[in-house]
Amino acid sequence: MTTAFVAGATGYTGREVVRQLVERGVRAVAHVRPDSPRLAEWRERFAELGAEVDATPWEEPAMRASLARWRPAQLFALLGTTRERGRRTEESGGGGGAVPDTYESVDYGLTSLLIRAASSSGVRPRFVYLSAAGVRDGATNPYLAARARAERELRESGLPFIIARPSFITGPDREERRPMERAAAAAGDALLAVAGALGASGLRARYHSTTASQLAAALVRLALDPMTEDTVVEGEGLR
């Protein structure tokens, strides 16, 4: 049975990726940080889905050993934080754990750690990285810049990779309330619909919002396709 390791498994997209991997007959290993106050809850929730839980700390030697033990064929990096969490981190003087919640430490830092751990684990899994639309070298926006660094590091790692660049990921079933993001997605989709009607169908396909279920289905399909490797996927390729 194929094994897939999902980092960021407790997130909106991550939970759906775990569920769909199990449905596809894949042995899904959901990573949950060991200091999570909801660790017991996540163990129960993932067990109900038919997945296993790994609680390896975010330390490179430990993560390398964990990957060597699980030997995943696919490694999903679905990691990210928000500006609001970063603001709360700054106000409190820390993230309440080993890793503060900032774009630099999470979006780039944890992804980078995972790339290094996978590269030195002796397993060489296919690395599926959830990036974002608009990422490019030279970006000055902190969020896009962090992800551009992670993309560049992944390309240079020698690991087989898939980089996914979705636009807004939204839906009514999201546990974490993001009203501004949801409003922006709705407004953006409306503008893109007009652009599409005027002939800019490529722009609409690239930046239209998607749901966690749609995105997870695309990520799992791409990850399990032996013909898809070392590629960047955007727009309709993620629906």
Foldseek 3Di string as FASTA:
>chain_A
DAEEEEEVLVAQLNVLLLLVCVVVVYAYEYEDAPPDPCVVVVQVVSVVSVYHYDHFHLDLVRLLQVCLVRLHQEYEDPKAADPVQQVVQVVVVHCSDPFRHDLQCIVQNSLLSNLVSCLPSPRQHEYEYEAAPPADPPDPPSNSNSRVVSVVSNLVSPGWYEYEHAAAADDPPGPDDDPVSVVVLVVVLVVLVVVVVVPVVVVNQFHHYHYSNQQSVLSNVLSPDPVRTDYYDGGPSRD
